[in-house]
Amino acid sequence: MNELHKKAVNRVKSDNERGARHALLEELFYDFQRSRAQVYGMNFMRGVFFGFGSVLGATVVVAFIIWLLSLFTGLFPEYIGHYIQQIIDAMQHTKQ
């Protein structure tokens, strides 16, 4: 019976702590965000900027890789260098 009582007390303590944490997080959330519309608007703008940053970052990375490949066209054997040159020409053709 004593062991059962200890388990019940521990469960009540755990539930109280979890409830207190939940209430604290909810209070902090409502301190910063007053309405759902504000939350949705903020998340929408966050998504727009995340998408824009991803596209911009991918563009920079691809351009950097192509630039690096253009430096090494003469170092590789002819068939690999020719293939790299075709990739560079295709990328420059699409820019114009």
PDB file of N, CA and C in Angstrom:
ATOM      1  N   MET A   1       0.819  -1.196   0.000  1.00  0.00           N
ATOM      2  CA  MET A   1       0.000   0.000   0.000  1.00  0.00           C
ATOM      3  C   MET A   1       0.865   1.263   0.000  1.00  0.00           C
ATOM      4  N   ASN A   2       1.979   1.202   0.713  1.00  0.00           N
ATOM      5  CA  ASN A   2       2.870   2.343   0.783  1.00  0.00           C
ATOM      6  C   ASN A   2       3.481   2.642  -0.591  1.00  0.00           C
ATOM      7  N   GLU A   3       3.859   1.585  -1.327  1.00  0.00           N
ATOM      8  CA  GLU A   3       4.428   1.756  -2.673  1.00  0.00           C
ATOM      9  C   GLU A   3       3.392   2.351  -3.617  1.00  0.00           C
ATOM     10  N   LEU A   4       2.166   1.912  -3.510  1.00  0.00           N
ATOM     11  CA  LEU A   4       1.081   2.440  -4.341  1.00  0.00           C
ATOM     12  C   LEU A   4       0.845   3.916  -4.042  1.00  0.00           C
ATOM     13  N   HIS A   5       0.939   4.281  -2.772  1.00  0.00           N
ATOM     14  CA  HIS A   5       0.766   5.680  -2.368  1.00  0.00           C
ATOM     15  C   HIS A   5       1.888   6.554  -2.953  1.00  0.00           C
ATOM     16  N   LYS A   6       3.129   6.061  -2.938  1.00  0.00           N
ATOM     17  CA  LYS A   6       4.258   6.816  -3.491  1.00  0.00           C
ATOM     18  C   LYS A   6       4.092   7.029  -4.992  1.00  0.00           C
ATOM     19  N   LYS A   7       3.636   5.993  -5.701  1.00  0.00           N
ATOM     20  CA  LYS A   7       3.421   6.124  -7.140  1.00  0.00           C
ATOM     21  C   LYS A   7       2.344   7.153  -7.442  1.00  0.00           C
ATOM     22  N   ALA A   8       1.280   7.147  -6.641  1.00  0.00           N
ATOM     23  CA  ALA A   8       0.196   8.109  -6.851  1.00  0.00           C
ATOM     24  C   ALA A   8       0.677   9.529  -6.588  1.00  0.00           C
ATOM     25  N   VAL A   9       1.463   9.717  -5.540  1.00  0.00           N
ATOM     26  CA  VAL A   9       1.989  11.042  -5.215  1.00  0.00           C
ATOM     27  C   VAL A   9       2.921  11.520  -6.331  1.00  0.00           C
ATOM     28  N   ASN A  10       3.782  10.642  -6.824  1.00  0.00           N
ATOM     29  CA  ASN A  10       4.693  11.017  -7.911  1.00  0.00           C
ATOM     30  C   ASN A  10       3.929  11.366  -9.178  1.00  0.00           C
ATOM     31  N   ARG A  11       2.867  10.629  -9.466  1.00  0.00           N
ATOM     32  CA  ARG A  11       2.065  10.915 -10.653  1.00  0.00           C
ATOM     33  C   ARG A  11       1.383  12.275 -10.528  1.00  0.00           C
ATOM     34  N   VAL A  12       0.868  12.590  -9.352  1.00  0.00           N
ATOM     35  CA  VAL A  12       0.220  13.887  -9.136  1.00  0.00           C
ATOM     36  C   VAL A  12       1.242  15.016  -9.277  1.00  0.00           C
ATOM     37  N   LYS A  13       2.439  14.833  -8.713  1.00  0.00           N
ATOM     38  CA  LYS A  13       3.486  15.849  -8.850  1.00  0.00           C
ATOM     39  C   LYS A  13       3.857  16.063 -10.313  1.00  0.00           C
ATOM     40  N   SER A  14       4.009  14.968 -11.035  1.00  0.00           N
ATOM     41  CA  SER A  14       4.361  15.060 -12.454  1.00  0.00           C
ATOM     42  C   SER A  14       3.274  15.777 -13.243  1.00  0.00           C
ATOM     43  N   ASP A  15       2.022  15.441 -12.972  1.00  0.00           N
ATOM     44  CA  ASP A  15       0.914  16.101 -13.668  1.00  0.00           C
ATOM     45  C   ASP A  15       0.850  17.583 -13.331  1.00  0.00           C
ATOM     46  N   ASN A  16       1.106  17.930 -12.082  1.00  0.00           N
ATOM     47  CA  ASN A  16       1.090  19.339 -11.685  1.00  0.00           C
ATOM     48  C   ASN A  16       2.209  20.120 -12.370  1.00  0.00           C
ATOM     49  N   GLU A  17       3.396  19.527 -12.442  1.00  0.00           N
ATOM     50  CA  GLU A  17       4.514  20.197 -13.114  1.00  0.00           C
ATOM     51  C   GLU A  17       4.224  20.379 -14.598  1.00  0.00           C
ATOM     52  N   ARG A  18       3.679  19.345 -15.226  1.00  0.00           N
ATOM     53  CA  ARG A  18       3.361  19.426 -16.648  1.00  0.00           C
ATOM     54  C   ARG A  18       2.293  20.489 -16.890  1.00  0.00           C
ATOM     55  N   GLY A  19       1.290  20.539 -16.035  1.00  0.00           N
ATOM     56  CA  GLY A  19       0.246  21.549 -16.173  1.00  0.00           C
ATOM     57  C   GLY A  19       0.783  22.954 -15.966  1.00  0.00           C
ATOM     58  N   ALA A  20       1.697  23.109 -15.010  1.00  0.00           N
ATOM     59  CA  ALA A  20       2.288  24.426 -14.758  1.00  0.00           C
ATOM     60  C   ALA A  20       3.132  24.870 -15.945  1.00  0.00           C
ATOM     61  N   ARG A  21       3.911  23.942 -16.525  1.00  0.00           N
ATOM     62  CA  ARG A  21       4.709  24.286 -17.708  1.00  0.00           C
ATOM     63  C   ARG A  21       3.817  24.681 -18.876  1.00  0.00           C
ATOM     64  N   HIS A  22       2.749  23.927 -19.061  1.00  0.00           N
ATOM     65  CA  HIS A  22       1.820  24.229 -20.154  1.00  0.00           C
ATOM     66  C   HIS A  22       1.187  25.609 -19.960  1.00  0.00           C
ATOM     67  N   ALA A  23       0.773  25.911 -18.745  1.00  0.00           N
ATOM     68  CA  ALA A  23       0.158  27.211 -18.468  1.00  0.00           C
ATOM     69  C   ALA A  23       1.160  28.344 -18.672  1.00  0.00           C
ATOM     70  N   LEU A  24       2.403  28.130 -18.271  1.00  0.00           N
ATOM     71  CA  LEU A  24       3.430  29.157 -18.445  1.00  0.00           C
ATOM     72  C   LEU A  24       3.707  29.412 -19.923  1.00  0.00           C
ATOM     73  N   LEU A  25       3.821  28.352 -20.716  1.00  0.00           N
ATOM     74  CA  LEU A  25       4.048  28.521 -22.151  1.00  0.00           C
ATOM     75  C   LEU A  25       2.870  29.218 -22.819  1.00  0.00           C
ATOM     76  N   GLU A  26       1.670  28.854 -22.416  1.00  0.00           N
ATOM     77  CA  GLU A  26       0.482  29.493 -22.983  1.00  0.00           C
ATOM     78  C   GLU A  26       0.446  30.977 -22.631  1.00  0.00           C
ATOM     79  N   GLU A  27       0.809  31.305 -21.408  1.00  0.00           N
ATOM     80  CA  GLU A  27       0.830  32.711 -20.989  1.00  0.00           C
ATOM     81  C   GLU A  27       1.885  33.498 -21.766  1.00  0.00           C
ATOM     82  N   LEU A  28       3.064  32.910 -21.951  1.00  0.00           N
ATOM     83  CA  LEU A  28       4.108  33.577 -22.736  1.00  0.00           C
ATOM     84  C   LEU A  28       3.676  33.769 -24.182  1.00  0.00           C
ATOM     85  N   PHE A  29       3.017  32.777 -24.749  1.00  0.00           N
ATOM     86  CA  PHE A  29       2.548  32.877 -26.127  1.00  0.00           C
ATOM     87  C   PHE A  29       1.555  34.021 -26.269  1.00  0.00           C
ATOM     88  N   TYR A  30       0.612  34.117 -25.361  1.00  0.00           N
ATOM     89  CA  TYR A  30      -0.401  35.158 -25.472  1.00  0.00           C
ATOM     90  C   TYR A  30       0.127  36.541 -25.102  1.00  0.00           C
ATOM     91  N   ASP A  31       1.273  36.603 -24.415  1.00  0.00           N
ATOM     92  CA  ASP A  31       1.898  37.902 -24.175  1.00  0.00           C
ATOM     93  C   ASP A  31       2.439  38.490 -25.472  1.00  0.00           C
ATOM     94  N   PHE A  32       2.965  37.637 -26.345  1.00  0.00           N
ATOM     95  CA  PHE A  32       3.560  38.113 -27.596  1.00  0.00           C
ATOM     96  C   PHE A  32       2.563  38.175 -28.741  1.00  0.00           C
ATOM     97  N   GLN A  33       1.628  37.261 -28.798  1.00  0.00           N
ATOM     98  CA  GLN A  33       0.676  37.186 -29.906  1.00  0.00           C
ATOM     99  C   GLN A  33      -0.742  37.326 -29.353  1.00  0.00           C
ATOM    100  N   ARG A  34      -1.419  38.374 -29.753  1.00  0.00           N
ATOM    101  CA  ARG A  34      -2.751  38.626 -29.215  1.00  0.00           C
ATOM    102  C   ARG A  34      -3.858  37.918 -29.990  1.00  0.00           C
ATOM    103  N   SER A  35      -3.663  37.659 -31.269  1.00  0.00           N
ATOM    104  CA  SER A  35      -4.737  37.053 -32.052  1.00  0.00           C
ATOM    105  C   SER A  35      -4.178  35.989 -32.990  1.00  0.00           C
ATOM    106  N   ARG A  36      -5.051  35.101 -33.416  1.00  0.00           N
ATOM    107  CA  ARG A  36      -4.641  34.060 -34.360  1.00  0.00           C
ATOM    108  C   ARG A  36      -4.257  34.669 -35.702  1.00  0.00           C
ATOM    109  N   ALA A  37      -4.946  35.725 -36.112  1.00  0.00           N
ATOM    110  CA  ALA A  37      -4.627  36.373 -37.387  1.00  0.00           C
ATOM    111  C   ALA A  37      -3.189  36.886 -37.379  1.00  0.00           C
ATOM    112  N   GLN A  38      -2.761  37.420 -36.257  1.00  0.00           N
ATOM    113  CA  GLN A  38      -1.389  37.904 -36.143  1.00  0.00           C
ATOM    114  C   GLN A  38      -0.397  36.738 -36.239  1.00  0.00           C
ATOM    115  N   VAL A  39      -0.730  35.617 -35.624  1.00  0.00           N
ATOM    116  CA  VAL A  39       0.134  34.439 -35.686  1.00  0.00           C
ATOM    117  C   VAL A  39       0.213  33.921 -37.117  1.00  0.00           C
ATOM    118  N   TYR A  40      -0.942  33.829 -37.792  1.00  0.00           N
ATOM    119  CA  TYR A  40      -0.960  33.345 -39.176  1.00  0.00           C
ATOM    120  C   TYR A  40      -0.190  34.292 -40.096  1.00  0.00           C
ATOM    121  N   GLY A  41      -0.362  35.581 -39.909  1.00  0.00           N
ATOM    122  CA  GLY A  41       0.361  36.556 -40.725  1.00  0.00           C
ATOM    123  C   GLY A  41       1.862  36.464 -40.522  1.00  0.00           C
ATOM    124  N   MET A  42       2.274  36.321 -39.277  1.00  0.00           N
ATOM    125  CA  MET A  42       3.704  36.208 -38.975  1.00  0.00           C
ATOM    126  C   MET A  42       4.282  34.929 -39.582  1.00  0.00           C
ATOM    127  N   ASN A  43       3.563  33.817 -39.462  1.00  0.00           N
ATOM    128  CA  ASN A  43       4.048  32.560 -40.032  1.00  0.00           C
ATOM    129  C   ASN A  43       4.080  32.613 -41.559  1.00  0.00           C
ATOM    130  N   PHE A  44       3.130  33.299 -42.177  1.00  0.00           N
ATOM    131  CA  PHE A  44       3.131  33.448 -43.629  1.00  0.00           C
ATOM    132  C   PHE A  44       4.366  34.225 -44.080  1.00  0.00           C
ATOM    133  N   MET A  45       4.638  35.347 -43.428  1.00  0.00           N
ATOM    134  CA  MET A  45       5.805  36.152 -43.797  1.00  0.00           C
ATOM    135  C   MET A  45       7.102  35.370 -43.557  1.00  0.00           C
ATOM    136  N   ARG A  46       7.138  34.614 -42.479  1.00  0.00           N
ATOM    137  CA  ARG A  46       8.306  33.784 -42.204  1.00  0.00           C
ATOM    138  C   ARG A  46       8.518  32.777 -43.336  1.00  0.00           C
ATOM    139  N   GLY A  47       7.442  32.177 -43.818  1.00  0.00           N
ATOM    140  CA  GLY A  47       7.538  31.227 -44.923  1.00  0.00           C
ATOM    141  C   GLY A  47       7.995  31.881 -46.210  1.00  0.00           C
ATOM    142  N   VAL A  48       7.500  33.088 -46.481  1.00  0.00           N
ATOM    143  CA  VAL A  48       7.908  33.809 -47.693  1.00  0.00           C
ATOM    144  C   VAL A  48       9.405  34.102 -47.650  1.00  0.00           C
ATOM    145  N   PHE A  49       9.885  34.615 -46.539  1.00  0.00           N
ATOM    146  CA  PHE A  49      11.305  34.935 -46.431  1.00  0.00           C
ATOM    147  C   PHE A  49      12.176  33.681 -46.433  1.00  0.00           C
ATOM    148  N   PHE A  50      11.688  32.599 -45.836  1.00  0.00           N
ATOM    149  CA  PHE A  50      12.436  31.342 -45.861  1.00  0.00           C
ATOM    150  C   PHE A  50      12.563  30.833 -47.293  1.00  0.00           C
ATOM    151  N   GLY A  51      11.482  30.886 -48.049  1.00  0.00           N
ATOM    152  CA  GLY A  51      11.513  30.451 -49.447  1.00  0.00           C
ATOM    153  C   GLY A  51      12.432  31.312 -50.287  1.00  0.00           C
ATOM    154  N   PHE A  52      12.354  32.624 -50.103  1.00  0.00           N
ATOM    155  CA  PHE A  52      13.220  33.542 -50.850  1.00  0.00           C
ATOM    156  C   PHE A  52      14.691  33.289 -50.528  1.00  0.00           C
ATOM    157  N   GLY A  53      14.993  33.110 -49.260  1.00  0.00           N
ATOM    158  CA  GLY A  53      16.375  32.844 -48.855  1.00  0.00           C
ATOM    159  C   GLY A  53      16.887  31.520 -49.393  1.00  0.00           C
ATOM    160  N   SER A  54      16.017  30.517 -49.433  1.00  0.00           N
ATOM    161  CA  SER A  54      16.425  29.214 -49.967  1.00  0.00           C
ATOM    162  C   SER A  54      16.756  29.308 -51.447  1.00  0.00           C
ATOM    163  N   VAL A  55      15.918  29.997 -52.204  1.00  0.00           N
ATOM    164  CA  VAL A  55      16.159  30.144 -53.640  1.00  0.00           C
ATOM    165  C   VAL A  55      17.429  30.954 -53.884  1.00  0.00           C
ATOM    166  N   LEU A  56      17.594  32.033 -53.151  1.00  0.00           N
ATOM    167  CA  LEU A  56      18.787  32.862 -53.312  1.00  0.00           C
ATOM    168  C   LEU A  56      20.055  32.082 -52.949  1.00  0.00           C
ATOM    169  N   GLY A  57      20.002  31.346 -51.857  1.00  0.00           N
ATOM    170  CA  GLY A  57      21.159  30.549 -51.445  1.00  0.00           C
ATOM    171  C   GLY A  57      21.501  29.463 -52.448  1.00  0.00           C
ATOM    172  N   ALA A  58      20.486  28.785 -52.976  1.00  0.00           N
ATOM    173  CA  ALA A  58      20.732  27.741 -53.972  1.00  0.00           C
ATOM    174  C   ALA A  58      21.338  28.335 -55.236  1.00  0.00           C
ATOM    175  N   THR A  59      20.884  29.516 -55.624  1.00  0.00           N
ATOM    176  CA  THR A  59      21.436  30.176 -56.811  1.00  0.00           C
ATOM    177  C   THR A  59      22.913  30.492 -56.621  1.00  0.00           C
ATOM    178  N   VAL A  60      23.261  30.998 -55.465  1.00  0.00           N
ATOM    179  CA  VAL A  60      24.663  31.326 -55.182  1.00  0.00           C
ATOM    180  C   VAL A  60      25.519  30.059 -55.178  1.00  0.00           C
ATOM    181  N   VAL A  61      25.022  28.992 -54.574  1.00  0.00           N
ATOM    182  CA  VAL A  61      25.790  27.745 -54.512  1.00  0.00           C
ATOM    183  C   VAL A  61      26.006  27.164 -55.907  1.00  0.00           C
ATOM    184  N   VAL A  62      24.957  27.142 -56.735  1.00  0.00           N
ATOM    185  CA  VAL A  62      25.091  26.608 -58.096  1.00  0.00           C
ATOM    186  C   VAL A  62      26.061  27.462 -58.912  1.00  0.00           C
ATOM    187  N   ALA A  63      25.968  28.779 -58.784  1.00  0.00           N
ATOM    188  CA  ALA A  63      26.889  29.654 -59.514  1.00  0.00           C
ATOM    189  C   ALA A  63      28.331  29.415 -59.071  1.00  0.00           C
ATOM    190  N   PHE A  64      28.536  29.223 -57.790  1.00  0.00           N
ATOM    191  CA  PHE A  64      29.881  28.965 -57.267  1.00  0.00           C
ATOM    192  C   PHE A  64      30.433  27.639 -57.791  1.00  0.00           C
ATOM    193  N   ILE A  65      29.591  26.618 -57.828  1.00  0.00           N
ATOM    194  CA  ILE A  65      30.028  25.309 -58.331  1.00  0.00           C
ATOM    195  C   ILE A  65      30.400  25.398 -59.808  1.00  0.00           C
ATOM    196  N   ILE A  66      29.596  26.101 -60.584  1.00  0.00           N
ATOM    197  CA  ILE A  66      29.897  26.245 -62.012  1.00  0.00           C
ATOM    198  C   ILE A  66      31.181  27.051 -62.211  1.00  0.00           C
ATOM    199  N   TRP A  67      31.380  28.067 -61.405  1.00  0.00           N
ATOM    200  CA  TRP A  67      32.617  28.847 -61.492  1.00  0.00           C
ATOM    201  C   TRP A  67      33.828  27.963 -61.169  1.00  0.00           C
ATOM    202  N   LEU A  68      33.697  27.129 -60.118  1.00  0.00           N
ATOM    203  CA  LEU A  68      34.793  26.223 -59.778  1.00  0.00           C
ATOM    204  C   LEU A  68      35.064  25.240 -60.910  1.00  0.00           C
ATOM    205  N   LEU A  69      34.010  24.717 -61.515  1.00  0.00           N
ATOM    206  CA  LEU A  69      34.194  23.787 -62.629  1.00  0.00           C
ATOM    207  C   LEU A  69      34.901  24.461 -63.802  1.00  0.00           C
ATOM    208  N   SER A  70      34.590  25.737 -64.025  1.00  0.00           N
ATOM    209  CA  SER A  70      35.234  26.433 -65.146  1.00  0.00           C
ATOM    210  C   SER A  70      36.733  26.596 -64.915  1.00  0.00           C
ATOM    211  N   LEU A  71      37.150  26.646 -63.662  1.00  0.00           N
ATOM    212  CA  LEU A  71      38.579  26.752 -63.368  1.00  0.00           C
ATOM    213  C   LEU A  71      39.319  25.455 -63.672  1.00  0.00           C
ATOM    214  N   PHE A  72      38.610  24.328 -63.573  1.00  0.00           N
ATOM    215  CA  PHE A  72      39.256  23.028 -63.707  1.00  0.00           C
ATOM    216  C   PHE A  72      39.052  22.363 -65.062  1.00  0.00           C
ATOM    217  N   THR A  73      38.511  23.071 -66.041  1.00  0.00           N
ATOM    218  CA  THR A  73      38.266  22.428 -67.336  1.00  0.00           C
ATOM    219  C   THR A  73      39.557  21.960 -67.993  1.00  0.00           C
ATOM    220  N   GLY A  74      40.637  22.667 -67.824  1.00  0.00           N
ATOM    221  CA  GLY A  74      41.900  22.277 -68.440  1.00  0.00           C
ATOM    222  C   GLY A  74      42.646  21.206 -67.672  1.00  0.00           C
ATOM    223  N   LEU A  75      42.313  20.989 -66.409  1.00  0.00           N
ATOM    224  CA  LEU A  75      43.048  20.029 -65.589  1.00  0.00           C
ATOM    225  C   LEU A  75      42.588  18.592 -65.785  1.00  0.00           C
ATOM    226  N   PHE A  76      41.340  18.411 -66.163  1.00  0.00           N
ATOM    227  CA  PHE A  76      40.790  17.067 -66.309  1.00  0.00           C
ATOM    228  C   PHE A  76      41.137  16.496 -67.678  1.00  0.00           C
ATOM    229  N   PRO A  77      41.027  15.184 -67.823  1.00  0.00           N
ATOM    230  CA  PRO A  77      41.191  14.599 -69.160  1.00  0.00           C
ATOM    231  C   PRO A  77      40.171  15.200 -70.121  1.00  0.00           C
ATOM    232  N   GLU A  78      40.445  15.046 -71.400  1.00  0.00           N
ATOM    233  CA  GLU A  78      39.668  15.766 -72.410  1.00  0.00           C
ATOM    234  C   GLU A  78      38.171  15.470 -72.352  1.00  0.00           C
ATOM    235  N   TYR A  79      37.780  14.219 -72.159  1.00  0.00           N
ATOM    236  CA  TYR A  79      36.350  13.898 -72.174  1.00  0.00           C
ATOM    237  C   TYR A  79      35.616  14.509 -70.983  1.00  0.00           C
ATOM    238  N   ILE A  80      36.266  14.596 -69.820  1.00  0.00           N
ATOM    239  CA  ILE A  80      35.622  15.227 -68.660  1.00  0.00           C
ATOM    240  C   ILE A  80      35.639  16.743 -68.822  1.00  0.00           C
ATOM    241  N   GLY A  81      36.762  17.291 -69.288  1.00  0.00           N
ATOM    242  CA  GLY A  81      36.850  18.733 -69.511  1.00  0.00           C
ATOM    243  C   GLY A  81      35.849  19.204 -70.546  1.00  0.00           C
ATOM    244  N   HIS A  82      35.649  18.389 -71.587  1.00  0.00           N
ATOM    245  CA  HIS A  82      34.671  18.736 -72.626  1.00  0.00           C
ATOM    246  C   HIS A  82      33.255  18.745 -72.045  1.00  0.00           C
ATOM    247  N   TYR A  83      32.960  17.764 -71.205  1.00  0.00           N
ATOM    248  CA  TYR A  83      31.639  17.690 -70.572  1.00  0.00           C
ATOM    249  C   TYR A  83      31.412  18.903 -69.661  1.00  0.00           C
ATOM    250  N   ILE A  84      32.421  19.278 -68.892  1.00  0.00           N
ATOM    251  CA  ILE A  84      32.312  20.451 -68.017  1.00  0.00           C
ATOM    252  C   ILE A  84      32.113  21.712 -68.851  1.00  0.00           C
ATOM    253  N   GLN A  85      32.835  21.816 -69.962  1.00  0.00           N
ATOM    254  CA  GLN A  85      32.691  22.985 -70.832  1.00  0.00           C
ATOM    255  C   GLN A  85      31.285  23.058 -71.420  1.00  0.00           C
ATOM    256  N   GLN A  86      30.682  21.916 -71.748  1.00  0.00           N
ATOM    257  CA  GLN A  86      29.302  21.908 -72.248  1.00  0.00           C
ATOM    258  C   GLN A  86      28.335  22.424 -71.187  1.00  0.00           C
ATOM    259  N   ILE A  87      28.547  22.032 -69.939  1.00  0.00           N
ATOM    260  CA  ILE A  87      27.695  22.519 -68.844  1.00  0.00           C
ATOM    261  C   ILE A  87      27.832  24.030 -68.709  1.00  0.00           C
ATOM    262  N   ILE A  88      29.051  24.531 -68.752  1.00  0.00           N
ATOM    263  CA  ILE A  88      29.288  25.972 -68.623  1.00  0.00           C
ATOM    264  C   ILE A  88      28.661  26.721 -69.788  1.00  0.00           C
ATOM    265  N   ASP A  89      28.829  26.197 -71.008  1.00  0.00           N
ATOM    266  CA  ASP A  89      28.226  26.844 -72.181  1.00  0.00           C
ATOM    267  C   ASP A  89      26.708  26.866 -72.085  1.00  0.00           C
ATOM    268  N   ALA A  90      26.120  25.782 -71.605  1.00  0.00           N
ATOM    269  CA  ALA A  90      24.662  25.729 -71.462  1.00  0.00           C
ATOM    270  C   ALA A  90      24.184  26.756 -70.445  1.00  0.00           C
ATOM    271  N   MET A  91      24.924  26.908 -69.351  1.00  0.00           N
ATOM    272  CA  MET A  91      24.533  27.882 -68.332  1.00  0.00           C
ATOM    273  C   MET A  91      24.689  29.308 -68.853  1.00  0.00           C
ATOM    274  N   GLN A  92      25.738  29.575 -69.602  1.00  0.00           N
ATOM    275  CA  GLN A  92      25.930  30.921 -70.135  1.00  0.00           C
ATOM    276  C   GLN A  92      24.921  31.219 -71.230  1.00  0.00           C
ATOM    277  N   HIS A  93      24.522  30.211 -71.980  1.00  0.00           N
ATOM    278  CA  HIS A  93      23.527  30.408 -73.036  1.00  0.00           C
ATOM    279  C   HIS A  93      22.163  30.750 -72.434  1.00  0.00           C
ATOM    280  N   THR A  94      21.809  30.141 -71.303  1.00  0.00           N
ATOM    281  CA  THR A  94      20.515  30.438 -70.677  1.00  0.00           C
ATOM    282  C   THR A  94      20.510  31.816 -70.042  1.00  0.00           C
ATOM    283  N   LYS A  95      21.675  32.346 -69.666  1.00  0.00           N
ATOM    284  CA  LYS A  95      21.730  33.695 -69.090  1.00  0.00           C
ATOM    285  C   LYS A  95      21.412  34.750 -70.138  1.00  0.00           C
ATOM    286  N   GLN A  96      21.779  34.506 -71.379  1.00  0.00           N
ATOM    287  CA  GLN A  96      21.599  35.508 -72.433  1.00  0.00           C
ATOM    288  C   GLN A  96      20.245  35.400 -72.998  1.00  0.00           C
TER     289      GLN A  96
END
